[in-house]
Amino acid sequence: MNVLVVNAGSSSLKYQLFDTTSEKVLAKGNCERIGDGGLFTHKLPDNPELNVKCEIDIPNHTEATKIVVKYLTDPVHGVIKSMDEIEAVGHRIVHGGAFLKESVLVDDSVLEKLEGCRDLAPLHTAAHLMGIHGCIEVMPNTPQIVVMDTAFHSTMPAEAYTYPLPKDMCEKYHIRRYGFHGTSHRYVSGKMAELLDKPVEDTKIITCHIGNGSSITAVKGGKVIDTSMGFTPLDGFMMGTRCGSIDPAIVPFIMEKENMSPDEMNNFMNKKCGFLGVSGISGDCREIEDGYFKNDPVCVHTFKLLAYQIKKFIGSYTAAMNGLDAIVFTAGIGENTPVIRELVCADMEFFGIKLDKSSNDAAHHQDDSVIISAADSKVKVYVIPTNEELVIAKDTEAIAAKLK
């Protein structure tokens, strides 16, 4: 089945066209600067000489979708003959809230539930809805399916997702731990379970999705029992520009001292903290890594702080699962920054974790799963490239196939 996977941002629309039978990406690209000029990229993995990058007017998400379809069906740059060959569209949704706990076909009821998620993730949800409406307008007869990042985490027990706030307030405002990066955690934990060669129900896996946004998840028996991100993607450990978990009293303290409004404080915690705030240099891990190897004290401190926070999550989740079979590193930093993996796994022999330095140093920019733990390590440690888009494509295929 040909499935178009769409990830809509407020001013962007990323896409990949999958042949789900072969799990092959036929074409992919991005519409950027929507509403502010427009930059379009279109890539053909099998014919890179036909790739396209051009400035083009993209006033809204509907026009972005029209451009995508135009190039997918173009006689020279396309991979299909007509729009009718797109059999379904799968949309990445960051926050399904308490309303959407599994992938589902879009209808008026689903759109209404997504509207109810605006307060939980206003920037993301508004963008997703623009992407969905744009695709519906351009492809009105094509099934549209939404796949939630939060869905995989819906198996968490109450003791893991409950915040110690008044019960009626939590129920009124749907306040709970939701978790994010669910499609990534789902993909790599499934791959890891296969590599362990034991029944899924007997596996205990910790997945570390470390990128500009990061989260760690405990997956026991194929189900999530806890995850680091919470009510929003701000929770957990520090990220590129996000602070992660801090003493809640710091928030009103800074607001009072700096005369900040709630919106300004929210922006501060999301955009000016993390690597950027601690280092004072950049929110880009690659720049911090350059400084680390030059022994820049603030870059060394930033990496040690990150590794320490990740290490604590691994320890607590190992306790929560009463054991550990494997750790997975994935996403941009997890896959491509050996020094972070080394710092995280150092001095973890008590937990049965022992890294093989040469394997770890060589494991970056890989297309496949790579073991980086030592031969005598009781816990397996792997780098597994994530593929969130494939998860979305396969869920979309499964739902769309039932409609035929």
Protein backbone atom coordinates (compact mmCIF):
# COMPACT_ATOMS: atom_id res chain seq x y z
CA MET A 1 0.00 0.00 0.00
CA ASN A 2 1.22 3.52 -0.82
CA VAL A 3 0.91 5.58 2.38
CA LEU A 4 1.76 9.26 2.67
CA VAL A 5 3.05 10.11 6.15
CA VAL A 6 2.62 13.75 7.14
CA ASN A 7 4.18 15.60 10.06
CA ALA A 8 2.75 19.11 10.12
CA GLY A 9 4.32 21.95 12.07
CA SER A 10 3.05 25.50 12.42
CA SER A 11 5.14 26.62 9.43
CA SER A 12 6.21 23.30 7.92
CA LEU A 13 4.89 20.08 6.45
CA LYS A 14 7.26 17.12 6.32
CA TYR A 15 6.25 14.10 4.24
CA GLN A 16 7.34 10.60 3.29
CA LEU A 17 5.64 8.32 0.78
CA PHE A 18 5.98 4.66 1.80
CA ASP A 19 5.42 1.43 -0.01
CA THR A 20 4.35 -0.41 3.14
CA THR A 21 4.76 -3.84 1.53
CA SER A 22 8.50 -3.35 1.08
CA GLU A 23 8.69 -0.74 3.89
CA LYS A 24 10.57 1.41 1.40
CA VAL A 25 10.50 5.21 1.28
CA LEU A 26 9.68 6.18 -2.31
CA ALA A 27 10.03 9.93 -1.78
CA LYS A 28 10.30 12.41 1.07
CA GLY A 29 10.63 16.13 1.62
CA ASN A 30 9.55 19.22 3.45
CA CYS A 31 7.55 22.39 2.89
CA GLU A 32 9.17 25.04 5.08
CA ARG A 33 8.45 28.69 5.88
CA ILE A 34 4.73 28.20 5.18
CA GLY A 35 3.05 31.60 5.22
CA ASP A 36 6.41 33.38 5.05
CA GLY A 37 7.78 32.88 1.55
CA GLY A 38 8.31 29.15 1.25
CA LEU A 39 11.11 26.64 0.76
CA PHE A 40 10.41 23.21 -0.76
CA THR A 41 12.63 20.13 -0.79
CA HIS A 42 11.80 16.84 -2.48
CA LYS A 43 14.12 13.84 -2.31
CA LEU A 44 14.12 10.54 -4.19
CA PRO A 45 16.24 7.93 -2.36
CA ASP A 46 16.68 5.86 -5.54
CA ASN A 47 17.30 8.84 -7.86
CA PRO A 48 19.07 11.59 -5.89
CA GLU A 49 20.03 13.34 -9.13
CA LEU A 50 16.32 14.24 -9.46
CA ASN A 51 16.07 15.84 -6.02
CA VAL A 52 14.43 19.26 -5.88
CA LYS A 53 15.14 22.26 -3.65
CA CYS A 54 13.52 25.55 -4.51
CA GLU A 55 11.93 28.66 -3.08
CA ILE A 56 8.22 28.68 -3.82
CA ASP A 57 5.24 30.54 -2.40
CA ILE A 58 3.51 28.37 0.22
CA PRO A 59 0.76 30.50 1.83
CA ASN A 60 -0.89 27.72 3.86
CA HIS A 61 -0.97 23.97 4.56
CA THR A 62 -3.52 23.31 1.82
CA GLU A 63 -1.17 24.79 -0.78
CA ALA A 64 1.69 22.84 0.79
CA THR A 65 -0.25 19.62 0.29
CA LYS A 66 -0.99 20.55 -3.33
CA ILE A 67 2.73 21.10 -3.95
CA VAL A 68 3.60 17.75 -2.37
CA VAL A 69 1.06 15.91 -4.55
CA LYS A 70 2.24 17.81 -7.62
CA TYR A 71 5.82 16.64 -7.19
CA LEU A 72 4.90 13.09 -6.16
CA THR A 73 3.00 12.74 -9.44
CA ASP A 74 5.38 14.78 -11.62
CA PRO A 75 6.51 12.93 -14.80
CA VAL A 76 10.17 13.66 -14.03
CA HIS A 77 10.45 14.04 -10.24
CA GLY A 78 7.50 11.90 -9.20
CA VAL A 79 7.17 8.28 -8.11
CA ILE A 80 3.46 7.70 -8.80
CA LYS A 81 1.25 8.50 -11.78
CA SER A 82 -1.68 10.11 -10.02
CA MET A 83 -2.97 11.18 -6.62
CA ASP A 84 -5.27 8.14 -6.64
CA GLU A 85 -2.22 5.95 -6.00
CA ILE A 86 -1.93 7.47 -2.52
CA GLU A 87 -4.14 4.96 -0.71
CA ALA A 88 -4.06 6.57 2.74
CA VAL A 89 -2.50 9.44 4.67
CA GLY A 90 -1.06 8.99 8.15
CA HIS A 91 -0.66 12.06 10.39
CA ARG A 92 1.74 12.28 13.30
CA ILE A 93 -0.06 13.74 16.34
CA VAL A 94 2.04 14.79 19.32
CA HIS A 95 -0.73 14.85 21.94
CA GLY A 96 -3.87 12.73 21.95
CA GLY A 97 -4.69 13.71 25.53
CA ALA A 98 -7.16 11.61 27.44
CA PHE A 99 -9.35 11.41 24.35
CA LEU A 100 -7.29 9.51 21.74
CA LYS A 101 -5.36 6.49 22.98
CA GLU A 102 -4.88 4.60 19.73
CA SER A 103 -4.45 5.23 16.02
CA VAL A 104 -7.79 6.00 14.41
CA LEU A 105 -9.51 7.04 11.18
CA VAL A 106 -10.23 10.77 11.05
CA ASP A 107 -13.89 11.78 11.23
CA ASP A 108 -15.77 14.71 12.76
CA SER A 109 -15.62 13.11 16.21
CA VAL A 110 -11.83 12.69 16.03
CA LEU A 111 -11.37 16.27 14.86
CA GLU A 112 -13.49 17.44 17.78
CA LYS A 113 -11.33 15.43 20.21
CA LEU A 114 -8.18 16.92 18.72
CA GLU A 115 -9.66 20.37 19.23
CA GLY A 116 -9.96 19.38 22.88
CA CYS A 117 -6.19 18.81 22.96
CA ARG A 118 -5.32 22.38 21.98
CA ASP A 119 -4.76 23.45 25.59
CA LEU A 120 -2.46 20.48 26.21
CA ALA A 121 -0.19 21.16 23.23
CA PRO A 122 -1.35 24.41 21.61
CA LEU A 123 1.49 24.85 19.10
CA HIS A 124 1.58 21.21 18.03
CA THR A 125 -2.18 20.55 17.92
CA ALA A 126 -2.99 23.67 15.95
CA ALA A 127 -0.36 22.70 13.37
CA HIS A 128 -1.58 19.11 13.15
CA LEU A 129 -5.13 20.27 12.54
CA MET A 130 -3.96 22.58 9.75
CA GLY A 131 -2.13 19.65 8.17
CA ILE A 132 -5.14 17.36 8.43
CA HIS A 133 -7.57 19.92 7.01
CA GLY A 134 -5.13 20.68 4.20
CA CYS A 135 -4.88 17.01 3.23
CA ILE A 136 -8.65 16.52 3.45
CA GLU A 137 -9.20 19.50 1.15
CA VAL A 138 -6.73 18.23 -1.45
CA MET A 139 -7.53 14.51 -1.07
CA PRO A 140 -11.16 14.35 0.10
CA ASN A 141 -11.63 10.69 -0.82
CA THR A 142 -8.41 9.41 0.72
CA PRO A 143 -8.58 7.91 4.25
CA GLN A 144 -6.83 10.11 6.81
CA ILE A 145 -5.48 8.37 9.91
CA VAL A 146 -4.00 9.96 13.03
CA VAL A 147 -1.23 8.25 15.02
CA MET A 148 -0.60 9.64 18.51
CA ASP A 149 2.82 9.98 20.15
CA THR A 150 1.04 9.55 23.48
CA ALA A 151 -0.73 6.30 22.59
CA PHE A 152 2.10 3.84 23.36
CA HIS A 153 2.32 5.25 26.89
CA SER A 154 -1.36 4.67 27.69
CA THR A 155 -0.50 1.35 29.40
CA MET A 156 1.17 3.13 32.33
CA PRO A 157 -0.31 2.16 35.72
CA ALA A 158 -1.99 4.82 37.83
CA GLU A 159 0.96 5.08 40.21
CA ALA A 160 3.16 6.10 37.28
CA TYR A 161 0.85 8.60 35.55
CA THR A 162 -0.78 10.29 38.56
CA TYR A 163 0.46 13.65 39.82
CA PRO A 164 -0.04 14.33 43.56
CA LEU A 165 -2.58 17.10 42.99
CA PRO A 166 -6.26 17.26 44.02
CA LYS A 167 -8.12 14.45 42.27
CA ASP A 168 -11.00 16.63 41.09
CA MET A 169 -8.59 19.13 39.55
CA CYS A 170 -6.72 16.39 37.68
CA GLU A 171 -9.99 15.02 36.34
CA LYS A 172 -11.35 18.44 35.40
CA TYR A 173 -8.27 19.49 33.43
CA HIS A 174 -7.05 16.02 32.35
CA ILE A 175 -3.79 16.45 34.25
CA ARG A 176 -1.65 13.30 34.22
CA ARG A 177 1.59 11.95 32.83
CA TYR A 178 1.06 11.29 29.12
CA GLY A 179 4.53 10.68 27.71
CA PHE A 180 5.76 11.48 24.22
CA HIS A 181 7.96 10.07 21.42
CA GLY A 182 5.70 7.04 21.69
CA THR A 183 6.14 5.90 18.08
CA SER A 184 9.92 5.97 18.52
CA HIS A 185 9.88 4.10 21.82
CA ARG A 186 7.45 1.60 20.35
CA TYR A 187 9.64 0.98 17.28
CA VAL A 188 12.99 0.55 19.02
CA SER A 189 11.63 -1.47 21.95
CA GLY A 190 10.02 -3.84 19.44
CA LYS A 191 13.32 -4.19 17.58
CA MET A 192 15.15 -4.77 20.85
CA ALA A 193 12.68 -7.44 21.94
CA GLU A 194 13.36 -9.30 18.67
CA LEU A 195 17.11 -9.10 19.26
CA LEU A 196 16.78 -10.51 22.79
CA ASP A 197 15.28 -13.66 21.29
CA LYS A 198 12.92 -14.31 24.19
CA PRO A 199 9.17 -13.97 24.67
CA VAL A 200 8.16 -10.31 24.63
CA GLU A 201 6.24 -10.76 27.88
CA ASP A 202 9.52 -11.64 29.61
CA THR A 203 11.50 -8.60 28.44
CA LYS A 204 12.59 -5.57 30.46
CA ILE A 205 13.88 -2.77 28.24
CA ILE A 206 14.79 0.88 28.76
CA THR A 207 14.64 3.02 25.63
CA CYS A 208 16.53 6.33 25.54
CA HIS A 209 15.27 8.68 22.82
CA ILE A 210 17.85 11.46 23.04
CA GLY A 211 17.63 14.37 20.63
CA ASN A 212 16.79 18.06 20.76
CA GLY A 213 13.73 16.74 22.60
CA SER A 214 14.41 13.68 24.76
CA SER A 215 12.62 11.04 26.80
CA ILE A 216 13.34 7.71 28.47
CA THR A 217 10.81 4.90 28.75
CA ALA A 218 10.61 1.68 30.76
CA VAL A 219 9.02 -1.08 28.67
CA LYS A 220 8.19 -4.27 30.57
CA GLY A 221 6.63 -7.16 28.70
CA GLY A 222 6.14 -4.94 25.65
CA LYS A 223 4.14 -2.36 27.61
CA VAL A 224 5.14 1.03 28.99
CA ILE A 225 5.21 1.19 32.77
CA ASP A 226 6.80 4.63 33.08
CA THR A 227 8.28 7.43 30.96
CA SER A 228 10.18 10.63 31.66
CA MET A 229 8.06 13.19 29.80
CA GLY A 230 4.83 14.03 31.54
CA PHE A 231 1.82 16.31 31.11
CA THR A 232 3.84 18.12 28.44
CA PRO A 233 7.11 17.44 26.58
CA LEU A 234 8.88 19.81 29.01
CA ASP A 235 9.13 17.21 31.77
CA GLY A 236 12.01 14.78 32.28
CA PHE A 237 15.71 15.55 31.88
CA MET A 238 17.31 18.55 30.18
CA MET A 239 17.18 18.84 26.40
CA GLY A 240 18.44 21.21 23.71
CA THR A 241 16.59 24.25 25.03
CA ARG A 242 14.16 22.70 27.56
CA CYS A 243 14.94 22.57 31.27
CA GLY A 244 13.23 19.27 32.06
CA SER A 245 12.15 18.64 35.66
CA ILE A 246 13.05 21.37 38.14
CA ASP A 247 11.87 22.34 41.63
CA PRO A 248 8.36 23.74 40.96
CA ALA A 249 9.05 26.63 43.34
CA ILE A 250 11.72 27.91 40.94
CA VAL A 251 8.96 28.85 38.47
CA PRO A 252 7.12 31.50 40.56
CA PHE A 253 10.46 32.61 42.01
CA ILE A 254 11.88 33.49 38.56
CA MET A 255 8.56 34.95 37.41
CA GLU A 256 8.57 37.34 40.35
CA LYS A 257 12.26 38.27 40.11
CA GLU A 258 12.22 38.74 36.31
CA ASN A 259 8.66 40.10 36.11
CA MET A 260 7.62 37.36 33.66
CA SER A 261 4.11 36.48 32.55
CA PRO A 262 3.01 32.81 32.39
CA ASP A 263 3.55 32.78 28.62
CA GLU A 264 7.00 34.32 28.98
CA MET A 265 7.95 31.78 31.65
CA ASN A 266 6.70 28.91 29.52
CA ASN A 267 8.74 30.20 26.58
CA PHE A 268 11.78 30.61 28.84
CA MET A 269 11.64 27.01 30.09
CA ASN A 270 11.10 25.63 26.58
CA LYS A 271 13.40 27.85 24.53
CA LYS A 272 16.18 29.26 26.73
CA CYS A 273 17.21 26.49 29.11
CA GLY A 274 18.71 23.00 28.63
CA PHE A 275 22.03 22.80 26.78
CA LEU A 276 21.64 26.43 25.73
CA GLY A 277 21.03 27.70 29.23
CA VAL A 278 23.63 25.58 31.02
CA SER A 279 26.40 26.13 28.49
CA GLY A 280 25.55 29.65 27.38
CA ILE A 281 26.83 28.54 23.99
CA SER A 282 24.20 26.62 22.03
CA GLY A 283 21.22 24.31 22.18
CA ASP A 284 22.85 22.20 19.45
CA CYS A 285 24.52 19.11 20.89
CA ARG A 286 27.10 19.09 18.11
CA GLU A 287 28.48 22.44 19.24
CA ILE A 288 28.61 21.27 22.85
CA GLU A 289 30.38 18.10 21.70
CA ASP A 290 33.03 20.17 19.89
CA GLY A 291 33.64 22.11 23.10
CA TYR A 292 33.71 18.94 25.17
CA PHE A 293 36.61 17.52 23.17
CA LYS A 294 38.42 20.87 23.51
CA ASN A 295 37.98 20.58 27.29
CA ASP A 296 35.81 23.67 27.45
CA PRO A 297 34.66 23.56 31.12
CA VAL A 298 31.05 24.59 30.45
CA CYS A 299 30.68 22.01 27.64
CA VAL A 300 32.20 19.27 29.81
CA HIS A 301 29.82 20.25 32.61
CA THR A 302 26.83 20.25 30.24
CA PHE A 303 27.54 16.72 29.00
CA LYS A 304 28.22 15.41 32.51
CA LEU A 305 24.95 16.92 33.73
CA LEU A 306 23.02 15.32 30.87
CA ALA A 307 24.62 11.92 31.42
CA TYR A 308 23.99 12.07 35.17
CA GLN A 309 20.31 12.81 34.68
CA ILE A 310 19.92 9.96 32.16
CA LYS A 311 21.79 7.60 34.47
CA LYS A 312 19.34 8.32 37.29
CA PHE A 313 16.36 7.47 35.09
CA ILE A 314 17.98 4.17 34.07
CA GLY A 315 18.57 3.30 37.71
CA SER A 316 15.05 4.16 38.83
CA TYR A 317 13.41 2.32 35.93
CA THR A 318 15.55 -0.75 36.57
CA ALA A 319 14.20 -0.73 40.13
CA ALA A 320 10.63 -0.22 38.89
CA MET A 321 10.89 -3.24 36.57
CA ASN A 322 12.84 -5.35 39.10
CA GLY A 323 15.55 -5.99 36.53
CA LEU A 324 16.84 -5.03 33.12
CA ASP A 325 17.60 -6.94 29.92
CA ALA A 326 18.62 -4.14 27.59
CA ILE A 327 19.14 -0.42 27.06
CA VAL A 328 18.52 1.20 23.68
CA PHE A 329 19.95 4.54 22.55
CA THR A 330 18.15 6.19 19.65
CA ALA A 331 17.33 9.54 17.95
CA GLY A 332 19.79 12.22 16.85
CA ILE A 333 22.02 12.39 19.92
CA GLY A 334 21.42 8.82 21.06
CA GLU A 335 22.45 7.43 17.69
CA ASN A 336 25.29 9.80 16.81
CA THR A 337 27.06 10.91 19.99
CA PRO A 338 29.25 8.08 21.39
CA VAL A 339 30.61 10.17 24.25
CA ILE A 340 27.13 10.63 25.75
CA ARG A 341 26.52 6.87 25.65
CA GLU A 342 29.92 6.31 27.27
CA LEU A 343 29.27 8.81 30.05
CA VAL A 344 25.81 7.38 30.73
CA CYS A 345 27.01 3.77 30.96
CA ALA A 346 30.16 4.49 32.97
CA ASP A 347 30.25 3.12 36.51
CA MET A 348 27.06 1.09 36.04
CA GLU A 349 28.60 -2.34 36.67
CA PHE A 350 26.37 -2.80 39.72
CA PHE A 351 23.42 -2.89 37.30
CA GLY A 352 25.24 -5.31 34.98
CA ILE A 353 25.98 -2.59 32.40
CA LYS A 354 29.39 -2.63 30.74
CA LEU A 355 30.20 -0.84 27.49
CA ASP A 356 32.63 -1.95 24.79
CA LYS A 357 34.44 1.31 24.00
CA SER A 358 35.60 0.40 20.50
CA SER A 359 32.12 -0.77 19.47
CA ASN A 360 30.56 2.32 20.98
CA ASP A 361 33.00 4.67 19.25
CA ALA A 362 32.26 3.04 15.88
CA ALA A 363 28.48 3.04 16.28
CA HIS A 364 27.25 6.24 14.70
CA HIS A 365 25.58 7.09 11.40
CA GLN A 366 24.46 3.46 11.23
CA ASP A 367 21.49 2.19 9.27
CA ASP A 368 20.98 -0.88 11.41
CA SER A 369 21.01 -2.03 15.04
CA VAL A 370 24.47 -2.21 16.63
CA ILE A 371 25.43 -3.80 19.94
CA ILE A 372 27.83 -1.66 21.98
CA SER A 373 27.92 -3.57 25.28
CA ALA A 374 30.89 -5.74 26.25
CA ALA A 375 30.69 -9.50 25.79
CA ASP A 376 30.50 -10.02 29.55
CA SER A 377 27.88 -7.33 30.13
CA LYS A 378 24.78 -8.81 31.76
CA VAL A 379 22.66 -6.07 30.22
CA LYS A 380 22.69 -5.66 26.44
CA VAL A 381 23.26 -2.12 25.21
CA TYR A 382 22.27 -1.26 21.63
CA VAL A 383 22.13 1.67 19.27
CA ILE A 384 18.98 1.27 17.17
CA PRO A 385 18.06 3.93 14.57
CA THR A 386 14.48 4.97 15.12
CA ASN A 387 11.85 5.00 12.39
CA GLU A 388 8.78 6.79 13.67
CA GLU A 389 7.47 7.36 10.15
CA LEU A 390 7.40 3.63 9.43
CA VAL A 391 5.33 3.03 12.58
CA ILE A 392 2.87 5.68 11.41
CA ALA A 393 2.78 4.16 7.91
CA LYS A 394 2.11 0.64 9.21
CA ASP A 395 -0.64 1.78 11.58
CA THR A 396 -2.20 3.74 8.74
CA GLU A 397 -2.01 0.73 6.43
CA ALA A 398 -3.69 -1.52 9.01
CA ILE A 399 -6.62 0.86 9.52
CA ALA A 400 -7.04 1.75 5.83
CA ALA A 401 -6.96 -1.92 4.79
CA LYS A 402 -10.09 -2.58 6.88
CA LEU A 403 -12.00 0.00 4.85
CA LYS A 404 -11.63 -1.90 1.59
